[in-house]
Amino acid sequence: MRASDLLVQAARRLNGAGIPDANRDARKLLAFALQIDPSRLTLVLPEDVSDEQAEAFQNLIERRAAREPVSHLTGTRLFYGRSFHVSPNALDPRPETESLIEAALTQPFSRVLDLGTGTGCILLTLLAERTEASGVGVDLSAEALEVAKANRDALQLTDRAELYQGNWFGAVPANCPPFDLILSNPPYIALSEMADLEPEVRDYEPRLALTDEGDGLQAYRDILAVVQAFLAPGGRVMVEIGPTQASDVTKLMQQAGLTGVETIPDMDGRDRVVLGRKSTE
């Protein structure tokens, strides 16, 4: 069967399953099944594919029709121009988190702490962008840390990125010097909001990385209650938030004694990052 015929059938199947951007997903998965760069797909569409390739592709399409994320099927996701290994054990990197990266890069830093590092995309991207910096990533999930370690090794950042298992600051070694930049994309979805998530998120992402099983604010309370002890004078703390949480997180930062608290929008204009600073006095 020609690749073009397979693609038409696959797009029809995904459309019928209610998959948004069915044509795009079908093309990505066909390129993956054929083991070619997606940019070359148009060139091979007139060609026949082997029975093995056709079967592999059709299996991928059926899994996508069941709402399994494309990134989980291919094992990679692009973030800030780099390809990251992903798995169901760690939250997928998402475009809105790039707002956290952009905000962090507006000022210099040398020591970074990433709380709840997941795939490592935040910490590793910042270290790749600032070759003089080093940092620490922590996560409660041992499985997520394995994903982060794979990405650290692939990006050749092993000598500048340390990874530890544990709960927030409890995983940071006692002898670590203070950090001038602390970031987190914590579980901020309220329990009451979980049912409304897209199936790709609700059913396939690790629940631990999505919700605190409460009001979505507990991680911010836990982090901000002690963050000053780990920040260098003048250091910044930056957290990703849900689009309705800016006011609550701003109050928590102010109660923690942080100064210059501000909210930064994402590319769609939604509140996405709250930033605070430790006083230099």
Foldseek 3Di string as FASTA:
>chain_A
DFQLVLLVVLLVLLVVLVHPPSSVLLLVLLCLLVVHDSVCSVVRRRDDDDPSSSVSSVVVSVVVSVVADSCQVNQWDDDPRDIAGAHQAFDDDDPQCVLVVVVVVVDDWAEEEEEQCQLVVNVVVNCVVPVNHAYEYEHQDPVSVVNNVVRCVVSVNVVRYHYFHDHGPVGPDPPDAATLEYEYAAQQDALVCLVVDDCNPNVRHDVRRHHPPHRRCVSLLVCLQCVVVRHDAFGKYKYFHDQVCLVVSQVSNVVSVFPPWDFDAGPVRGTTMIMTTHHND
